[in-house]
PDB file of N, CA and C in Angstrom:
ATOM      1  N   MET A   1       1.050  -0.894  -0.260  1.00  0.00           N
ATOM      2  CA  MET A   1       0.120   0.201   0.202  1.00  0.00           C
ATOM      3  C   MET A   1       0.684   1.267   0.173  1.00  0.00           C
ATOM      4  N   THR A   2       0.049   2.076  -0.680  1.00  0.00           N
ATOM      5  CA  THR A   2       1.092   3.571  -1.197  1.00  0.00           C
ATOM      6  C   THR A   2       0.679   4.553   0.239  1.00  0.00           C
ATOM      7  N   PRO A   3       1.078   5.201   0.688  1.00  0.00           N
ATOM      8  CA  PRO A   3      -0.004   6.011   1.198  1.00  0.00           C
ATOM      9  C   PRO A   3       0.015   7.827   0.812  1.00  0.00           C
ATOM     10  N   ILE A   4      -1.054   8.308   0.489  1.00  0.00           N
ATOM     11  CA  ILE A   4      -1.546   9.617   0.427  1.00  0.00           C
ATOM     12  C   ILE A   4      -2.231  10.517   0.781  1.00  0.00           C
ATOM     13  N   ARG A   5      -1.441  11.720   1.449  1.00  0.00           N
ATOM     14  CA  ARG A   5      -2.296  12.756   2.060  1.00  0.00           C
ATOM     15  C   ARG A   5      -2.925  13.312   1.644  1.00  0.00           C
ATOM     16  N   ILE A   6      -4.348  13.101   2.397  1.00  0.00           N
ATOM     17  CA  ILE A   6      -5.542  13.796   1.532  1.00  0.00           C
ATOM     18  C   ILE A   6      -6.263  14.728   2.426  1.00  0.00           C
ATOM     19  N   ILE A   7      -6.693  15.837   2.646  1.00  0.00           N
ATOM     20  CA  ILE A   7      -7.391  16.723   2.714  1.00  0.00           C
ATOM     21  C   ILE A   7      -8.802  16.721   2.359  1.00  0.00           C
ATOM     22  N   GLY A   8      -9.832  16.492   3.259  1.00  0.00           N
ATOM     23  CA  GLY A   8     -11.003  16.269   2.891  1.00  0.00           C
ATOM     24  C   GLY A   8     -12.521  17.031   3.610  1.00  0.00           C
ATOM     25  N   LYS A   9     -13.823  17.208   3.497  1.00  0.00           N
ATOM     26  CA  LYS A   9     -14.541  17.776   4.504  1.00  0.00           C
ATOM     27  C   LYS A   9     -15.138  17.018   4.660  1.00  0.00           C
ATOM     28  N   VAL A  10     -15.827  16.984   6.049  1.00  0.00           N
ATOM     29  CA  VAL A  10     -16.907  16.207   6.704  1.00  0.00           C
ATOM     30  C   VAL A  10     -18.174  17.630   6.600  1.00  0.00           C
ATOM     31  N   ASP A  11     -19.236  17.040   5.716  1.00  0.00           N
ATOM     32  CA  ASP A  11     -20.556  17.741   5.996  1.00  0.00           C
ATOM     33  C   ASP A  11     -21.485  17.534   7.416  1.00  0.00           C
ATOM     34  N   ALA A  12     -22.526  18.198   7.196  1.00  0.00           N
ATOM     35  CA  ALA A  12     -23.652  18.164   8.400  1.00  0.00           C
ATOM     36  C   ALA A  12     -24.018  16.469   8.600  1.00  0.00           C
ATOM     37  N   ALA A  13     -24.079  16.032   6.948  1.00  0.00           N
ATOM     38  CA  ALA A  13     -24.544  14.904   7.310  1.00  0.00           C
ATOM     39  C   ALA A  13     -23.908  13.751   7.185  1.00  0.00           C
ATOM     40  N   HIS A  14     -22.342  13.543   7.607  1.00  0.00           N
ATOM     41  CA  HIS A  14     -21.661  13.335   8.309  1.00  0.00           C
ATOM     42  C   HIS A  14     -20.510  12.264   6.760  1.00  0.00           C
ATOM     43  N   ARG A  15     -21.359  13.314   5.578  1.00  0.00           N
ATOM     44  CA  ARG A  15     -20.538  12.321   4.795  1.00  0.00           C
ATOM     45  C   ARG A  15     -19.258  13.274   4.344  1.00  0.00           C
ATOM     46  N   LEU A  16     -18.194  12.087   3.993  1.00  0.00           N
ATOM     47  CA  LEU A  16     -16.599  12.708   3.574  1.00  0.00           C
ATOM     48  C   LEU A  16     -16.860  12.900   2.293  1.00  0.00           C
ATOM     49  N   THR A  17     -15.916  13.918   1.779  1.00  0.00           N
ATOM     50  CA  THR A  17     -15.332  14.129   0.414  1.00  0.00           C
ATOM     51  C   THR A  17     -13.976  14.587   0.536  1.00  0.00           C
ATOM     52  N   ALA A  18     -13.819  14.631  -0.424  1.00  0.00           N
ATOM     53  CA  ALA A  18     -12.011  14.902  -0.976  1.00  0.00           C
ATOM     54  C   ALA A  18     -11.763  14.128  -2.611  1.00  0.00           C
ATOM     55  N   THR A  19     -10.713  15.746  -2.631  1.00  0.00           N
ATOM     56  CA  THR A  19     -10.195  15.063  -4.294  1.00  0.00           C
ATOM     57  C   THR A  19      -9.318  14.115  -4.428  1.00  0.00           C
ATOM     58  N   VAL A  20      -9.050  13.132  -5.241  1.00  0.00           N
ATOM     59  CA  VAL A  20      -7.786  12.631  -4.758  1.00  0.00           C
ATOM     60  C   VAL A  20      -7.052  13.004  -6.186  1.00  0.00           C
ATOM     61  N   PRO A  21      -6.099  12.813  -5.980  1.00  0.00           N
ATOM     62  CA  PRO A  21      -4.825  12.966  -7.218  1.00  0.00           C
ATOM     63  C   PRO A  21      -5.304  11.683  -9.091  1.00  0.00           C
ATOM     64  N   ILE A  22      -5.192  12.723  -9.731  1.00  0.00           N
ATOM     65  CA  ILE A  22      -5.875  11.848 -10.653  1.00  0.00           C
ATOM     66  C   ILE A  22      -4.960   9.897 -10.677  1.00  0.00           C
ATOM     67  N   ALA A  23      -3.545  10.060 -10.160  1.00  0.00           N
ATOM     68  CA  ALA A  23      -2.473   9.081 -10.321  1.00  0.00           C
ATOM     69  C   ALA A  23      -2.911   7.565  -9.386  1.00  0.00           C
ATOM     70  N   VAL A  24      -4.471   8.114  -8.446  1.00  0.00           N
ATOM     71  CA  VAL A  24      -5.184   6.709  -7.265  1.00  0.00           C
ATOM     72  C   VAL A  24      -6.371   6.377  -8.792  1.00  0.00           C
ATOM     73  N   PRO A  25      -6.305   5.229  -8.602  1.00  0.00           N
ATOM     74  CA  PRO A  25      -6.872   4.593  -9.406  1.00  0.00           C
ATOM     75  C   PRO A  25      -8.491   3.784  -9.158  1.00  0.00           C
ATOM     76  N   ALA A  26      -9.339   4.624  -9.873  1.00  0.00           N
ATOM     77  CA  ALA A  26     -10.580   4.292  -9.257  1.00  0.00           C
ATOM     78  C   ALA A  26     -10.457   2.232  -8.280  1.00  0.00           C
ATOM     79  N   GLY A  27     -11.428   2.525  -7.623  1.00  0.00           N
ATOM     80  CA  GLY A  27     -11.706   1.193  -6.954  1.00  0.00           C
ATOM     81  C   GLY A  27     -11.971   1.545  -5.205  1.00  0.00           C
ATOM     82  N   ASP A  28     -11.790   0.525  -4.179  1.00  0.00           N
ATOM     83  CA  ASP A  28     -11.967   0.533  -2.973  1.00  0.00           C
ATOM     84  C   ASP A  28     -10.394   1.320  -2.807  1.00  0.00           C
ATOM     85  N   VAL A  29     -10.880   2.204  -1.433  1.00  0.00           N
ATOM     86  CA  VAL A  29      -9.675   2.605  -1.166  1.00  0.00           C
ATOM     87  C   VAL A  29      -9.872   2.653   0.895  1.00  0.00           C
ATOM     88  N   GLU A  30      -9.028   2.394   2.030  1.00  0.00           N
ATOM     89  CA  GLU A  30      -8.897   2.171   3.475  1.00  0.00           C
ATOM     90  C   GLU A  30      -8.924   3.753   3.026  1.00  0.00           C
ATOM     91  N   VAL A  31      -9.662   3.864   4.048  1.00  0.00           N
ATOM     92  CA  VAL A  31      -9.117   5.528   4.911  1.00  0.00           C
ATOM     93  C   VAL A  31      -9.277   5.695   6.058  1.00  0.00           C
ATOM     94  N   VAL A  32      -8.247   6.669   6.448  1.00  0.00           N
ATOM     95  CA  VAL A  32      -7.677   6.476   8.372  1.00  0.00           C
ATOM     96  C   VAL A  32      -8.453   8.617   8.877  1.00  0.00           C
ATOM     97  N   VAL A  33      -9.762   8.765   9.216  1.00  0.00           N
ATOM     98  CA  VAL A  33      -9.517  10.055   9.240  1.00  0.00           C
ATOM     99  C   VAL A  33      -9.279  10.204  10.699  1.00  0.00           C
ATOM    100  N   ILE A  34      -8.321  11.324  10.126  1.00  0.00           N
ATOM    101  CA  ILE A  34      -8.094  11.897  12.167  1.00  0.00           C
ATOM    102  C   ILE A  34      -8.296  13.476  12.233  1.00  0.00           C
ATOM    103  N   VAL A  35      -8.687  13.707  13.335  1.00  0.00           N
ATOM    104  CA  VAL A  35      -9.621  14.622  13.813  1.00  0.00           C
ATOM    105  C   VAL A  35      -9.335  15.519  14.527  1.00  0.00           C
ATOM    106  N   PRO A  36      -8.943  16.908  13.658  1.00  0.00           N
ATOM    107  CA  PRO A  36      -7.997  17.832  14.701  1.00  0.00           C
ATOM    108  C   PRO A  36      -8.316  18.228  16.230  1.00  0.00           C
ATOM    109  N   GLU A  37      -7.588  18.610  16.997  1.00  0.00           N
ATOM    110  CA  GLU A  37      -7.721  18.779  18.329  1.00  0.00           C
ATOM    111  C   GLU A  37      -9.053  20.002  18.127  1.00  0.00           C
ATOM    112  N   PRO A  38     -10.063  20.079  19.766  1.00  0.00           N
ATOM    113  CA  PRO A  38     -10.636  21.573  19.116  1.00  0.00           C
ATOM    114  C   PRO A  38      -9.980  22.690  19.590  1.00  0.00           C
ATOM    115  N   SER A  39     -10.267  24.087  19.023  1.00  0.00           N
ATOM    116  CA  SER A  39      -9.591  24.978  19.479  1.00  0.00           C
ATOM    117  C   SER A  39      -9.986  24.937  21.151  1.00  0.00           C
ATOM    118  N   GLY A  40      -9.216  25.955  22.040  1.00  0.00           N
ATOM    119  CA  GLY A  40      -9.114  26.329  23.725  1.00  0.00           C
ATOM    120  C   GLY A  40     -10.547  26.613  23.825  1.00  0.00           C
ATOM    121  N   ASP A  41     -11.116  27.318  22.922  1.00  0.00           N
ATOM    122  CA  ASP A  41     -12.724  27.953  23.194  1.00  0.00           C
ATOM    123  C   ASP A  41     -13.733  26.790  23.164  1.00  0.00           C
ATOM    124  N   ALA A  42     -13.323  25.590  21.791  1.00  0.00           N
ATOM    125  CA  ALA A  42     -14.310  24.963  21.547  1.00  0.00           C
ATOM    126  C   ALA A  42     -14.239  23.919  22.437  1.00  0.00           C
ATOM    127  N   VAL A  43     -13.004  23.691  23.275  1.00  0.00           N
ATOM    128  CA  VAL A  43     -13.209  22.757  24.578  1.00  0.00           C
ATOM    129  C   VAL A  43     -13.643  23.728  25.967  1.00  0.00           C
ATOM    130  N   ASP A  44     -13.467  24.625  25.886  1.00  0.00           N
ATOM    131  CA  ASP A  44     -14.370  25.439  26.703  1.00  0.00           C
ATOM    132  C   ASP A  44     -15.785  25.328  27.291  1.00  0.00           C
ATOM    133  N   ARG A  45     -16.352  25.240  25.591  1.00  0.00           N
ATOM    134  CA  ARG A  45     -17.778  25.098  25.609  1.00  0.00           C
ATOM    135  C   ARG A  45     -18.202  23.574  25.911  1.00  0.00           C
ATOM    136  N   LEU A  46     -17.595  22.684  25.548  1.00  0.00           N
ATOM    137  CA  LEU A  46     -17.819  21.406  25.714  1.00  0.00           C
ATOM    138  C   LEU A  46     -17.845  21.331  26.618  1.00  0.00           C
ATOM    139  N   TRP A  47     -16.345  21.827  28.068  1.00  0.00           N
ATOM    140  CA  TRP A  47     -16.797  21.427  28.876  1.00  0.00           C
ATOM    141  C   TRP A  47     -18.117  21.952  30.070  1.00  0.00           C
ATOM    142  N   GLU A  48     -18.631  22.888  29.366  1.00  0.00           N
ATOM    143  CA  GLU A  48     -19.700  23.869  29.701  1.00  0.00           C
ATOM    144  C   GLU A  48     -21.282  23.409  29.325  1.00  0.00           C
ATOM    145  N   VAL A  49     -21.334  22.562  28.600  1.00  0.00           N
ATOM    146  CA  VAL A  49     -22.269  21.639  27.668  1.00  0.00           C
ATOM    147  C   VAL A  49     -21.881  20.505  29.169  1.00  0.00           C
ATOM    148  N   GLY A  50     -20.599  19.480  29.585  1.00  0.00           N
ATOM    149  CA  GLY A  50     -20.704  18.599  30.092  1.00  0.00           C
ATOM    150  C   GLY A  50     -21.267  18.894  31.455  1.00  0.00           C
ATOM    151  N   VAL A  51     -21.232  20.133  31.705  1.00  0.00           N
ATOM    152  CA  VAL A  51     -20.918  20.082  33.102  1.00  0.00           C
ATOM    153  C   VAL A  51     -22.845  20.443  33.771  1.00  0.00           C
ATOM    154  N   ALA A  52     -23.437  21.329  32.005  1.00  0.00           N
ATOM    155  CA  ALA A  52     -25.050  22.058  32.408  1.00  0.00           C
ATOM    156  C   ALA A  52     -25.683  20.539  32.608  1.00  0.00           C
ATOM    157  N   ALA A  53     -25.163  19.499  31.649  1.00  0.00           N
ATOM    158  CA  ALA A  53     -26.038  17.878  31.720  1.00  0.00           C
ATOM    159  C   ALA A  53     -25.857  17.441  32.661  1.00  0.00           C
ATOM    160  N   GLU A  54     -24.482  17.387  33.698  1.00  0.00           N
ATOM    161  CA  GLU A  54     -25.041  16.323  34.916  1.00  0.00           C
ATOM    162  C   GLU A  54     -25.415  17.298  35.509  1.00  0.00           C
ATOM    163  N   TRP A  55     -25.064  18.957  35.915  1.00  0.00           N
ATOM    164  CA  TRP A  55     -26.179  19.429  37.130  1.00  0.00           C
ATOM    165  C   TRP A  55     -27.296  20.072  36.316  1.00  0.00           C
ATOM    166  N   HIS A  56     -28.201  19.199  35.704  1.00  0.00           N
ATOM    167  CA  HIS A  56     -29.322  19.436  34.772  1.00  0.00           C
ATOM    168  C   HIS A  56     -30.546  19.499  35.899  1.00  0.00           C
ATOM    169  N   ASP A  57     -30.221  18.088  36.688  1.00  0.00           N
ATOM    170  CA  ASP A  57     -31.315  17.978  37.295  1.00  0.00           C
ATOM    171  C   ASP A  57     -31.200  18.662  38.423  1.00  0.00           C
ATOM    172  N   ASP A  58     -30.506  18.703  39.125  1.00  0.00           N
ATOM    173  CA  ASP A  58     -30.123  19.737  40.219  1.00  0.00           C
ATOM    174  C   ASP A  58     -30.689  20.814  40.548  1.00  0.00           C
ATOM    175  N   LEU A  59     -30.332  21.644  39.066  1.00  0.00           N
ATOM    176  CA  LEU A  59     -30.612  23.056  38.850  1.00  0.00           C
ATOM    177  C   LEU A  59     -31.954  23.332  38.710  1.00  0.00           C
ATOM    178  N   ALA A  60     -32.920  22.648  37.961  1.00  0.00           N
ATOM    179  CA  ALA A  60     -34.155  22.409  37.985  1.00  0.00           C
ATOM    180  C   ALA A  60     -34.970  22.313  39.096  1.00  0.00           C
ATOM    181  N   ASP A  61     -34.150  21.655  39.599  1.00  0.00           N
ATOM    182  CA  ASP A  61     -35.112  21.084  40.861  1.00  0.00           C
ATOM    183  C   ASP A  61     -35.448  22.437  42.134  1.00  0.00           C
ATOM    184  N   GLU A  62     -36.879  22.882  42.106  1.00  0.00           N
ATOM    185  CA  GLU A  62     -37.478  23.653  42.684  1.00  0.00           C
ATOM    186  C   GLU A  62     -36.742  23.518  44.640  1.00  0.00           C
ATOM    187  N   ARG A  63     -36.618  22.312  44.919  1.00  0.00           N
ATOM    188  CA  ARG A  63     -36.052  22.496  46.185  1.00  0.00           C
ATOM    189  C   ARG A  63     -35.059  23.168  46.860  1.00  0.00           C
ATOM    190  N   GLN A  64     -34.410  23.207  45.436  1.00  0.00           N
ATOM    191  CA  GLN A  64     -33.116  24.046  45.695  1.00  0.00           C
ATOM    192  C   GLN A  64     -33.051  25.342  45.671  1.00  0.00           C
ATOM    193  N   ASP A  65     -34.419  25.867  45.219  1.00  0.00           N
ATOM    194  CA  ASP A  65     -34.686  27.088  45.630  1.00  0.00           C
ATOM    195  C   ASP A  65     -34.615  27.686  46.976  1.00  0.00           C
ATOM    196  N   ILE A  66     -33.664  27.776  47.955  1.00  0.00           N
ATOM    197  CA  ILE A  66     -34.376  28.165  48.952  1.00  0.00           C
ATOM    198  C   ILE A  66     -33.569  29.796  49.521  1.00  0.00           C
ATOM    199  N   TYR A  67     -33.704  30.642  48.073  1.00  0.00           N
ATOM    200  CA  TYR A  67     -33.331  31.976  48.554  1.00  0.00           C
ATOM    201  C   TYR A  67     -33.708  33.201  47.104  1.00  0.00           C
ATOM    202  N   SER A  68     -34.263  34.446  47.947  1.00  0.00           N
ATOM    203  CA  SER A  68     -34.928  34.645  46.645  1.00  0.00           C
ATOM    204  C   SER A  68     -34.477  36.025  47.116  1.00  0.00           C
ATOM    205  N   LEU A  69     -34.534  36.841  45.798  1.00  0.00           N
ATOM    206  CA  LEU A  69     -34.208  38.663  45.504  1.00  0.00           C
ATOM    207  C   LEU A  69     -34.214  39.734  46.858  1.00  0.00           C
ATOM    208  N   ALA A  70     -34.995  38.517  48.213  1.00  0.00           N
ATOM    209  CA  ALA A  70     -35.246  39.771  48.804  1.00  0.00           C
ATOM    210  C   ALA A  70     -34.708  39.181  50.487  1.00  0.00           C
ATOM    211  N   ASP A  71     -34.513  37.757  50.108  1.00  0.00           N
ATOM    212  CA  ASP A  71     -33.189  37.545  51.165  1.00  0.00           C
ATOM    213  C   ASP A  71     -32.091  38.292  51.172  1.00  0.00           C
ATOM    214  N   GLY A  72     -31.228  39.057  52.330  1.00  0.00           N
ATOM    215  CA  GLY A  72     -29.710  39.300  52.622  1.00  0.00           C
ATOM    216  C   GLY A  72     -29.994  41.425  52.362  1.00  0.00           C
ATOM    217  N   THR A  73     -29.344  41.684  51.905  1.00  0.00           N
ATOM    218  CA  THR A  73     -28.772  42.861  51.572  1.00  0.00           C
ATOM    219  C   THR A  73     -27.152  42.998  50.473  1.00  0.00           C
ATOM    220  N   ALA A  74     -28.204  43.864  49.502  1.00  0.00           N
ATOM    221  CA  ALA A  74     -27.062  44.495  48.474  1.00  0.00           C
ATOM    222  C   ALA A  74     -25.652  44.623  49.183  1.00  0.00           C
ATOM    223  N   VAL A  75     -24.770  44.066  48.245  1.00  0.00           N
ATOM    224  CA  VAL A  75     -23.136  44.075  48.510  1.00  0.00           C
ATOM    225  C   VAL A  75     -22.589  45.480  48.815  1.00  0.00           C
ATOM    226  N   ASP A  76     -23.359  46.670  47.779  1.00  0.00           N
ATOM    227  CA  ASP A  76     -23.368  47.987  48.448  1.00  0.00           C
ATOM    228  C   ASP A  76     -24.066  48.656  49.823  1.00  0.00           C
ATOM    229  N   GLU A  77     -25.152  48.097  50.087  1.00  0.00           N
ATOM    230  CA  GLU A  77     -25.486  48.635  51.681  1.00  0.00           C
ATOM    231  C   GLU A  77     -25.129  47.714  52.217  1.00  0.00           C
ATOM    232  N   ALA A  78     -23.898  47.103  52.596  1.00  0.00           N
ATOM    233  CA  ALA A  78     -23.506  46.277  53.538  1.00  0.00           C
ATOM    234  C   ALA A  78     -22.310  47.224  54.233  1.00  0.00           C
ATOM    235  N   ARG A  79     -21.936  48.041  53.202  1.00  0.00           N
ATOM    236  CA  ARG A  79     -20.702  48.927  54.083  1.00  0.00           C
ATOM    237  C   ARG A  79     -21.171  50.014  54.944  1.00  0.00           C
TER     238      ARG A  79
END
């Protein structure tokens, strides 16, 4: 086998498209997909989504709402 590096795209329907050199004959090929690491912003967003999913039940539980805006004093008023 001769490896050839080709950059392709995956669309929203999860279909891979790529253009191969003319030297590649028609027929079956083996494809290895290497997914790039997400950027820092994407990693942060994945973390936020994960935490929200894990805490959803606790945060949606009305029994957890033990404080209201009428409780306590504003920070500026405490001085």
